[in-house]
Structures are given as structure tokens and as C-alpha cells.
Amino acid sequence: MDNTEFMVYWIDIPGGMHATPTGNMNEALKIANRMRDANMRFVTIASESVANVGKLGVDSVIDGKCPDGGDFLGRTSRHGMAMKRGAV
């Protein structure tokens, strides 16, 4: 069983640093999205998961669609990372 702990870090507008732990990657992603929606800055997720390999983001495109169903728009000019509609 993987007991990986994820940490979500962010900075609020006055500059205060915050972090919250969670044992679930889906929950970490939800927290990070809530912080971004609330205009927090430098929102990031960190873990020491040995099971997590590769870059976060789009890992496959089938018939022009990302795994979440969004349209695949190509690659960014930076780092060759995949981009999808609505991505920031």
C-alpha cells in the first residue's frame, strides 16, 4: 500500500506562505484548483511518491481529446508540454 503524503503549497496576496497535507492526489489537485480559483500565488503540489513518474499533465491524446475530454490543442513552445483548451 502506498502511504504517499502530498503537500499543497501557496502564497496569499499579502505574501503569507501556507501548506496543507493530504494523503490523496485527487484531493491535492482539488485543493490546488481551489487555491488558484481564489487567486493564490505560486500554487504547487509536492510529494515524495516513488510511484509517481513522468511529468504531470496530459499523458495521452486519443482522437484529439485529452484524458478529461478536453480538446488537445498541440504543444506549447516551452518544454514540449501538452496543452489543452482552458489551460493557463
PDB file of N, CA and C in Angstrom:
ATOM      1  N   MET A   1       0.842  -1.193   0.000  1.00  0.00           N
ATOM      2  CA  MET A   1       0.000   0.000   0.000  1.00  0.00           C
ATOM      3  C   MET A   1       0.878   1.243   0.000  1.00  0.00           C
ATOM      4  N   ASP A   2       0.523   2.218  -0.823  1.00  0.00           N
ATOM      5  CA  ASP A   2       1.283   3.458  -0.931  1.00  0.00           C
ATOM      6  C   ASP A   2       0.772   4.462   0.098  1.00  0.00           C
ATOM      7  N   ASN A   3       1.635   4.876   1.000  1.00  0.00           N
ATOM      8  CA  ASN A   3       1.264   5.848   2.035  1.00  0.00           C
ATOM      9  C   ASN A   3       1.795   7.235   1.698  1.00  0.00           C
ATOM     10  N   THR A   4       1.794   7.572   0.429  1.00  0.00           N
ATOM     11  CA  THR A   4       2.328   8.851  -0.020  1.00  0.00           C
ATOM     12  C   THR A   4       1.508   9.998   0.549  1.00  0.00           C
ATOM     13  N   GLU A   5       2.203  10.976   1.052  1.00  0.00           N
ATOM     14  CA  GLU A   5       1.566  12.203   1.504  1.00  0.00           C
ATOM     15  C   GLU A   5       1.868  13.283   0.485  1.00  0.00           C
ATOM     16  N   PHE A   6       0.864  14.044   0.119  1.00  0.00           N
ATOM     17  CA  PHE A   6       1.026  15.164  -0.803  1.00  0.00           C
ATOM     18  C   PHE A   6       0.884  16.457  -0.013  1.00  0.00           C
ATOM     19  N   MET A   7       1.662  17.449  -0.392  1.00  0.00           N
ATOM     20  CA  MET A   7       1.572  18.772   0.215  1.00  0.00           C
ATOM     21  C   MET A   7       1.191  19.762  -0.877  1.00  0.00           C
ATOM     22  N   VAL A   8       0.226  20.613  -0.563  1.00  0.00           N
ATOM     23  CA  VAL A   8      -0.152  21.699  -1.461  1.00  0.00           C
ATOM     24  C   VAL A   8       0.351  22.982  -0.813  1.00  0.00           C
ATOM     25  N   TYR A   9       1.163  23.727  -1.550  1.00  0.00           N
ATOM     26  CA  TYR A   9       1.743  24.979  -1.052  1.00  0.00           C
ATOM     27  C   TYR A   9       1.187  26.140  -1.859  1.00  0.00           C
ATOM     28  N   TRP A  10       1.010  27.294  -1.217  1.00  0.00           N
ATOM     29  CA  TRP A  10       0.597  28.509  -1.918  1.00  0.00           C
ATOM     30  C   TRP A  10       0.962  29.728  -1.095  1.00  0.00           C
ATOM     31  N   ILE A  11       0.934  30.874  -1.772  1.00  0.00           N
ATOM     32  CA  ILE A  11       1.196  32.167  -1.131  1.00  0.00           C
ATOM     33  C   ILE A  11      -0.040  33.026  -1.345  1.00  0.00           C
ATOM     34  N   ASP A  12      -0.534  33.631  -0.254  1.00  0.00           N
ATOM     35  CA  ASP A  12      -1.700  34.505  -0.396  1.00  0.00           C
ATOM     36  C   ASP A  12      -1.247  35.888  -0.868  1.00  0.00           C
ATOM     37  N   ILE A  13      -2.200  36.757  -1.155  1.00  0.00           N
ATOM     38  CA  ILE A  13      -1.899  38.074  -1.724  1.00  0.00           C
ATOM     39  C   ILE A  13      -0.994  38.919  -0.820  1.00  0.00           C
ATOM     40  N   PRO A  14      -1.201  38.937   0.518  1.00  0.00           N
ATOM     41  CA  PRO A  14      -0.270  39.701   1.341  1.00  0.00           C
ATOM     42  C   PRO A  14       1.135  39.086   1.400  1.00  0.00           C
ATOM     43  N   GLY A  15       1.275  37.854   0.948  1.00  0.00           N
ATOM     44  CA  GLY A  15       2.599  37.220   0.929  1.00  0.00           C
ATOM     45  C   GLY A  15       2.795  36.125   1.954  1.00  0.00           C
ATOM     46  N   GLY A  16       1.739  35.753   2.667  1.00  0.00           N
ATOM     47  CA  GLY A  16       1.856  34.676   3.647  1.00  0.00           C
ATOM     48  C   GLY A  16       1.941  33.319   2.974  1.00  0.00           C
ATOM     49  N   MET A  17       2.848  32.478   3.462  1.00  0.00           N
ATOM     50  CA  MET A  17       3.017  31.141   2.897  1.00  0.00           C
ATOM     51  C   MET A  17       2.160  30.140   3.660  1.00  0.00           C
ATOM     52  N   HIS A  18       1.541  29.220   2.915  1.00  0.00           N
ATOM     53  CA  HIS A  18       0.648  28.233   3.508  1.00  0.00           C
ATOM     54  C   HIS A  18       0.922  26.860   2.901  1.00  0.00           C
ATOM     55  N   ALA A  19       0.559  25.833   3.643  1.00  0.00           N
ATOM     56  CA  ALA A  19       0.666  24.461   3.143  1.00  0.00           C
ATOM     57  C   ALA A  19      -0.398  23.623   3.823  1.00  0.00           C
ATOM     58  N   THR A  20      -0.886  22.637   3.100  1.00  0.00           N
ATOM     59  CA  THR A  20      -1.827  21.695   3.689  1.00  0.00           C
ATOM     60  C   THR A  20      -1.498  20.294   3.188  1.00  0.00           C
ATOM     61  N   PRO A  21      -1.474  19.318   4.072  1.00  0.00           N
ATOM     62  CA  PRO A  21      -1.181  17.944   3.651  1.00  0.00           C
ATOM     63  C   PRO A  21      -2.449  17.187   3.288  1.00  0.00           C
ATOM     64  N   THR A  22      -2.292  16.204   2.430  1.00  0.00           N
ATOM     65  CA  THR A  22      -3.369  15.267   2.126  1.00  0.00           C
ATOM     66  C   THR A  22      -2.723  13.962   1.678  1.00  0.00           C
ATOM     67  N   GLY A  23      -3.373  12.866   1.922  1.00  0.00           N
ATOM     68  CA  GLY A  23      -2.848  11.570   1.536  1.00  0.00           C
ATOM     69  C   GLY A  23      -3.374  11.094   0.198  1.00  0.00           C
ATOM     70  N   ASN A  24      -4.025  11.993  -0.556  1.00  0.00           N
ATOM     71  CA  ASN A  24      -4.688  11.595  -1.779  1.00  0.00           C
ATOM     72  C   ASN A  24      -4.383  12.600  -2.884  1.00  0.00           C
ATOM     73  N   MET A  25      -3.871  12.134  -4.025  1.00  0.00           N
ATOM     74  CA  MET A  25      -3.511  13.045  -5.099  1.00  0.00           C
ATOM     75  C   MET A  25      -4.729  13.779  -5.655  1.00  0.00           C
ATOM     76  N   ASN A  26      -5.861  13.099  -5.794  1.00  0.00           N
ATOM     77  CA  ASN A  26      -7.063  13.775  -6.298  1.00  0.00           C
ATOM     78  C   ASN A  26      -7.461  14.924  -5.386  1.00  0.00           C
ATOM     79  N   GLU A  27      -7.379  14.714  -4.092  1.00  0.00           N
ATOM     80  CA  GLU A  27      -7.696  15.786  -3.140  1.00  0.00           C
ATOM     81  C   GLU A  27      -6.682  16.920  -3.259  1.00  0.00           C
ATOM     82  N   ALA A  28      -5.410  16.581  -3.438  1.00  0.00           N
ATOM     83  CA  ALA A  28      -4.379  17.611  -3.615  1.00  0.00           C
ATOM     84  C   ALA A  28      -4.676  18.465  -4.844  1.00  0.00           C
ATOM     85  N   LEU A  29      -5.093  17.828  -5.935  1.00  0.00           N
ATOM     86  CA  LEU A  29      -5.443  18.569  -7.150  1.00  0.00           C
ATOM     87  C   LEU A  29      -6.646  19.480  -6.924  1.00  0.00           C
ATOM     88  N   LYS A  30      -7.642  18.995  -6.178  1.00  0.00           N
ATOM     89  CA  LYS A  30      -8.818  19.813  -5.867  1.00  0.00           C
ATOM     90  C   LYS A  30      -8.429  21.029  -5.023  1.00  0.00           C
ATOM     91  N   ILE A  31      -7.578  20.813  -4.015  1.00  0.00           N
ATOM     92  CA  ILE A  31      -7.122  21.923  -3.165  1.00  0.00           C
ATOM     93  C   ILE A  31      -6.361  22.943  -4.008  1.00  0.00           C
ATOM     94  N   ALA A  32      -5.452  22.460  -4.861  1.00  0.00           N
ATOM     95  CA  ALA A  32      -4.668  23.361  -5.706  1.00  0.00           C
ATOM     96  C   ALA A  32      -5.574  24.172  -6.620  1.00  0.00           C
ATOM     97  N   ASN A  33      -6.572  23.535  -7.205  1.00  0.00           N
ATOM     98  CA  ASN A  33      -7.507  24.263  -8.062  1.00  0.00           C
ATOM     99  C   ASN A  33      -8.295  25.303  -7.279  1.00  0.00           C
ATOM    100  N   ARG A  34      -8.723  24.967  -6.052  1.00  0.00           N
ATOM    101  CA  ARG A  34      -9.442  25.957  -5.218  1.00  0.00           C
ATOM    102  C   ARG A  34      -8.549  27.152  -4.912  1.00  0.00           C
ATOM    103  N   MET A  35      -7.273  26.899  -4.628  1.00  0.00           N
ATOM    104  CA  MET A  35      -6.357  27.997  -4.324  1.00  0.00           C
ATOM    105  C   MET A  35      -6.140  28.874  -5.557  1.00  0.00           C
ATOM    106  N   ARG A  36      -6.000  28.242  -6.721  1.00  0.00           N
ATOM    107  CA  ARG A  36      -5.837  29.028  -7.953  1.00  0.00           C
ATOM    108  C   ARG A  36      -7.092  29.844  -8.244  1.00  0.00           C
ATOM    109  N   ASP A  37      -8.254  29.231  -8.053  1.00  0.00           N
ATOM    110  CA  ASP A  37      -9.519  29.947  -8.273  1.00  0.00           C
ATOM    111  C   ASP A  37      -9.672  31.122  -7.313  1.00  0.00           C
ATOM    112  N   ALA A  38      -9.044  31.015  -6.138  1.00  0.00           N
ATOM    113  CA  ALA A  38      -9.098  32.087  -5.139  1.00  0.00           C
ATOM    114  C   ALA A  38      -7.955  33.091  -5.324  1.00  0.00           C
ATOM    115  N   ASN A  39      -7.270  33.016  -6.477  1.00  0.00           N
ATOM    116  CA  ASN A  39      -6.184  33.942  -6.832  1.00  0.00           C
ATOM    117  C   ASN A  39      -4.962  33.852  -5.925  1.00  0.00           C
ATOM    118  N   MET A  40      -4.728  32.680  -5.331  1.00  0.00           N
ATOM    119  CA  MET A  40      -3.498  32.494  -4.582  1.00  0.00           C
ATOM    120  C   MET A  40      -2.346  32.396  -5.582  1.00  0.00           C
ATOM    121  N   ARG A  41      -1.134  32.642  -5.097  1.00  0.00           N
ATOM    122  CA  ARG A  41       0.027  32.678  -5.980  1.00  0.00           C
ATOM    123  C   ARG A  41       0.950  31.500  -5.715  1.00  0.00           C
ATOM    124  N   PHE A  42       1.706  31.114  -6.710  1.00  0.00           N
ATOM    125  CA  PHE A  42       2.720  30.055  -6.618  1.00  0.00           C
ATOM    126  C   PHE A  42       2.146  28.766  -6.030  1.00  0.00           C
ATOM    127  N   VAL A  43       0.980  28.373  -6.515  1.00  0.00           N
ATOM    128  CA  VAL A  43       0.329  27.148  -6.040  1.00  0.00           C
ATOM    129  C   VAL A  43       1.072  25.955  -6.639  1.00  0.00           C
ATOM    130  N   THR A  44       1.468  25.031  -5.777  1.00  0.00           N
ATOM    131  CA  THR A  44       2.183  23.852  -6.251  1.00  0.00           C
ATOM    132  C   THR A  44       1.867  22.641  -5.387  1.00  0.00           C
ATOM    133  N   ILE A  45       2.048  21.469  -5.949  1.00  0.00           N
ATOM    134  CA  ILE A  45       1.851  20.212  -5.232  1.00  0.00           C
ATOM    135  C   ILE A  45       3.199  19.504  -5.195  1.00  0.00           C
ATOM    136  N   ALA A  46       3.540  18.964  -4.044  1.00  0.00           N
ATOM    137  CA  ALA A  46       4.783  18.209  -3.906  1.00  0.00           C
ATOM    138  C   ALA A  46       4.505  16.895  -3.197  1.00  0.00           C
ATOM    139  N   SER A  47       5.317  15.891  -3.521  1.00  0.00           N
ATOM    140  CA  SER A  47       5.233  14.610  -2.830  1.00  0.00           C
ATOM    141  C   SER A  47       6.570  13.907  -2.968  1.00  0.00           C
ATOM    142  N   GLU A  48       6.721  12.869  -2.219  1.00  0.00           N
ATOM    143  CA  GLU A  48       7.904  12.030  -2.333  1.00  0.00           C
ATOM    144  C   GLU A  48       7.490  10.655  -2.824  1.00  0.00           C
ATOM    145  N   SER A  49       6.470  10.611  -3.652  1.00  0.00           N
ATOM    146  CA  SER A  49       5.936   9.358  -4.152  1.00  0.00           C
ATOM    147  C   SER A  49       6.923   8.692  -5.095  1.00  0.00           C
ATOM    148  N   VAL A  50       7.316   7.484  -4.776  1.00  0.00           N
ATOM    149  CA  VAL A  50       8.189   6.740  -5.670  1.00  0.00           C
ATOM    150  C   VAL A  50       7.393   6.155  -6.829  1.00  0.00           C
ATOM    151  N   ALA A  51       6.059   6.133  -6.712  1.00  0.00           N
ATOM    152  CA  ALA A  51       5.213   5.592  -7.768  1.00  0.00           C
ATOM    153  C   ALA A  51       4.898   6.636  -8.835  1.00  0.00           C
ATOM    154  N   ASN A  52       5.140   7.915  -8.551  1.00  0.00           N
ATOM    155  CA  ASN A  52       4.827   8.989  -9.478  1.00  0.00           C
ATOM    156  C   ASN A  52       6.022   9.218 -10.395  1.00  0.00           C
ATOM    157  N   VAL A  53       5.866   8.894 -11.652  1.00  0.00           N
ATOM    158  CA  VAL A  53       6.943   9.105 -12.615  1.00  0.00           C
ATOM    159  C   VAL A  53       6.422   9.936 -13.765  1.00  0.00           C
ATOM    160  N   GLY A  54       7.298  10.662 -14.399  1.00  0.00           N
ATOM    161  CA  GLY A  54       6.911  11.481 -15.536  1.00  0.00           C
ATOM    162  C   GLY A  54       6.368  12.826 -15.110  1.00  0.00           C
ATOM    163  N   LYS A  55       6.045  13.625 -16.104  1.00  0.00           N
ATOM    164  CA  LYS A  55       5.531  14.966 -15.869  1.00  0.00           C
ATOM    165  C   LYS A  55       4.026  14.923 -15.642  1.00  0.00           C
ATOM    166  N   LEU A  56       3.533  15.800 -14.785  1.00  0.00           N
ATOM    167  CA  LEU A  56       2.099  15.943 -14.607  1.00  0.00           C
ATOM    168  C   LEU A  56       1.522  16.605 -15.852  1.00  0.00           C
ATOM    169  N   GLY A  57       0.305  16.304 -16.162  1.00  0.00           N
ATOM    170  CA  GLY A  57      -0.337  16.916 -17.314  1.00  0.00           C
ATOM    171  C   GLY A  57      -0.896  15.857 -18.231  1.00  0.00           C
ATOM    172  N   VAL A  58      -1.061  16.216 -19.476  1.00  0.00           N
ATOM    173  CA  VAL A  58      -1.641  15.301 -20.450  1.00  0.00           C
ATOM    174  C   VAL A  58      -0.662  14.176 -20.728  1.00  0.00           C
ATOM    175  N   ASP A  59      -1.108  12.938 -20.552  1.00  0.00           N
ATOM    176  CA  ASP A  59      -0.224  11.806 -20.812  1.00  0.00           C
ATOM    177  C   ASP A  59      -0.660  11.007 -22.037  1.00  0.00           C
ATOM    178  N   SER A  60      -1.811  11.341 -22.590  1.00  0.00           N
ATOM    179  CA  SER A  60      -2.252  10.662 -23.809  1.00  0.00           C
ATOM    180  C   SER A  60      -3.272  11.527 -24.522  1.00  0.00           C
ATOM    181  N   VAL A  61      -3.322  11.359 -25.837  1.00  0.00           N
ATOM    182  CA  VAL A  61      -4.313  12.043 -26.659  1.00  0.00           C
ATOM    183  C   VAL A  61      -4.909  10.993 -27.589  1.00  0.00           C
ATOM    184  N   ILE A  62      -6.216  10.841 -27.538  1.00  0.00           N
ATOM    185  CA  ILE A  62      -6.904   9.875 -28.386  1.00  0.00           C
ATOM    186  C   ILE A  62      -7.957  10.619 -29.182  1.00  0.00           C
ATOM    187  N   ASP A  63      -7.843  10.533 -30.492  1.00  0.00           N
ATOM    188  CA  ASP A  63      -8.774  11.216 -31.396  1.00  0.00           C
ATOM    189  C   ASP A  63      -8.900  12.699 -31.073  1.00  0.00           C
ATOM    190  N   GLY A  64      -7.751  13.347 -30.759  1.00  0.00           N
ATOM    191  CA  GLY A  64      -7.741  14.780 -30.499  1.00  0.00           C
ATOM    192  C   GLY A  64      -8.270  15.197 -29.145  1.00  0.00           C
ATOM    193  N   LYS A  65      -8.477  14.238 -28.227  1.00  0.00           N
ATOM    194  CA  LYS A  65      -9.031  14.543 -26.908  1.00  0.00           C
ATOM    195  C   LYS A  65      -8.038  14.180 -25.802  1.00  0.00           C
ATOM    196  N   CYS A  66      -7.979  15.023 -24.772  1.00  0.00           N
ATOM    197  CA  CYS A  66      -7.196  14.747 -23.572  1.00  0.00           C
ATOM    198  C   CYS A  66      -7.966  13.746 -22.708  1.00  0.00           C
ATOM    199  N   PRO A  67      -7.297  13.131 -21.719  1.00  0.00           N
ATOM    200  CA  PRO A  67      -7.998  12.158 -20.874  1.00  0.00           C
ATOM    201  C   PRO A  67      -9.262  12.696 -20.207  1.00  0.00           C
ATOM    202  N   ASP A  68      -9.314  14.008 -19.926  1.00  0.00           N
ATOM    203  CA  ASP A  68     -10.503  14.572 -19.286  1.00  0.00           C
ATOM    204  C   ASP A  68     -11.582  14.975 -20.297  1.00  0.00           C
ATOM    205  N   GLY A  69     -11.353  14.690 -21.591  1.00  0.00           N
ATOM    206  CA  GLY A  69     -12.331  15.004 -22.620  1.00  0.00           C
ATOM    207  C   GLY A  69     -12.120  16.339 -23.299  1.00  0.00           C
ATOM    208  N   GLY A  70     -11.188  17.160 -22.783  1.00  0.00           N
ATOM    209  CA  GLY A  70     -10.914  18.460 -23.387  1.00  0.00           C
ATOM    210  C   GLY A  70     -10.189  18.311 -24.717  1.00  0.00           C
ATOM    211  N   ASP A  71     -10.332  19.293 -25.582  1.00  0.00           N
ATOM    212  CA  ASP A  71      -9.664  19.278 -26.878  1.00  0.00           C
ATOM    213  C   ASP A  71      -8.165  19.447 -26.705  1.00  0.00           C
ATOM    214  N   PHE A  72      -7.379  18.653 -27.422  1.00  0.00           N
ATOM    215  CA  PHE A  72      -5.929  18.789 -27.438  1.00  0.00           C
ATOM    216  C   PHE A  72      -5.577  19.835 -28.480  1.00  0.00           C
ATOM    217  N   LEU A  73      -4.811  20.848 -28.096  1.00  0.00           N
ATOM    218  CA  LEU A  73      -4.508  21.957 -28.994  1.00  0.00           C
ATOM    219  C   LEU A  73      -3.087  21.934 -29.524  1.00  0.00           C
ATOM    220  N   GLY A  74      -2.299  20.965 -29.182  1.00  0.00           N
ATOM    221  CA  GLY A  74      -0.919  20.906 -29.667  1.00  0.00           C
ATOM    222  C   GLY A  74       0.053  20.954 -28.516  1.00  0.00           C
ATOM    223  N   ARG A  75       1.205  21.457 -28.782  1.00  0.00           N
ATOM    224  CA  ARG A  75       2.246  21.543 -27.760  1.00  0.00           C
ATOM    225  C   ARG A  75       2.639  23.002 -27.581  1.00  0.00           C
ATOM    226  N   THR A  76       2.999  23.354 -26.345  1.00  0.00           N
ATOM    227  CA  THR A  76       3.478  24.705 -26.107  1.00  0.00           C
ATOM    228  C   THR A  76       4.876  24.812 -26.680  1.00  0.00           C
ATOM    229  N   SER A  77       5.341  25.997 -26.885  1.00  0.00           N
ATOM    230  CA  SER A  77       6.689  26.176 -27.403  1.00  0.00           C
ATOM    231  C   SER A  77       7.726  25.895 -26.327  1.00  0.00           C
ATOM    232  N   ARG A  78       7.294  25.899 -25.075  1.00  0.00           N
ATOM    233  CA  ARG A  78       8.214  25.668 -23.956  1.00  0.00           C
ATOM    234  C   ARG A  78       8.125  24.234 -23.493  1.00  0.00           C
ATOM    235  N   HIS A  79       9.203  23.569 -23.377  1.00  0.00           N
ATOM    236  CA  HIS A  79       9.319  22.242 -22.769  1.00  0.00           C
ATOM    237  C   HIS A  79       8.576  21.142 -23.515  1.00  0.00           C
ATOM    238  N   GLY A  80       7.928  21.442 -24.623  1.00  0.00           N
ATOM    239  CA  GLY A  80       7.201  20.428 -25.365  1.00  0.00           C
ATOM    240  C   GLY A  80       6.038  19.827 -24.607  1.00  0.00           C
ATOM    241  N   MET A  81       5.521  20.554 -23.603  1.00  0.00           N
ATOM    242  CA  MET A  81       4.431  20.029 -22.785  1.00  0.00           C
ATOM    243  C   MET A  81       3.102  20.179 -23.511  1.00  0.00           C
ATOM    244  N   ALA A  82       2.232  19.227 -23.286  1.00  0.00           N
ATOM    245  CA  ALA A  82       0.931  19.257 -23.931  1.00  0.00           C
ATOM    246  C   ALA A  82       0.066  20.379 -23.364  1.00  0.00           C
ATOM    247  N   MET A  83      -0.827  20.893 -24.188  1.00  0.00           N
ATOM    248  CA  MET A  83      -1.698  21.982 -23.791  1.00  0.00           C
ATOM    249  C   MET A  83      -3.118  21.613 -24.168  1.00  0.00           C
ATOM    250  N   LYS A  84      -4.077  22.032 -23.386  1.00  0.00           N
ATOM    251  CA  LYS A  84      -5.472  21.776 -23.717  1.00  0.00           C
ATOM    252  C   LYS A  84      -6.279  23.051 -23.552  1.00  0.00           C
ATOM    253  N   ARG A  85      -7.456  23.076 -24.149  1.00  0.00           N
ATOM    254  CA  ARG A  85      -8.329  24.247 -24.072  1.00  0.00           C
ATOM    255  C   ARG A  85      -8.628  24.572 -22.616  1.00  0.00           C
ATOM    256  N   GLY A  86      -8.522  25.838 -22.248  1.00  0.00           N
ATOM    257  CA  GLY A  86      -8.807  26.251 -20.888  1.00  0.00           C
ATOM    258  C   GLY A  86      -7.600  26.187 -19.974  1.00  0.00           C
ATOM    259  N   ALA A  87      -6.470  25.659 -20.468  1.00  0.00           N
ATOM    260  CA  ALA A  87      -5.271  25.585 -19.626  1.00  0.00           C
ATOM    261  C   ALA A  87      -4.685  26.969 -19.495  1.00  0.00           C
ATOM    262  N   VAL A  88      -4.108  27.240 -18.344  1.00  0.00           N
ATOM    263  CA  VAL A  88      -3.494  28.544 -18.093  1.00  0.00           C
ATOM    264  C   VAL A  88      -2.033  28.468 -18.410  1.00  0.00           C
TER     265      VAL A  88
END
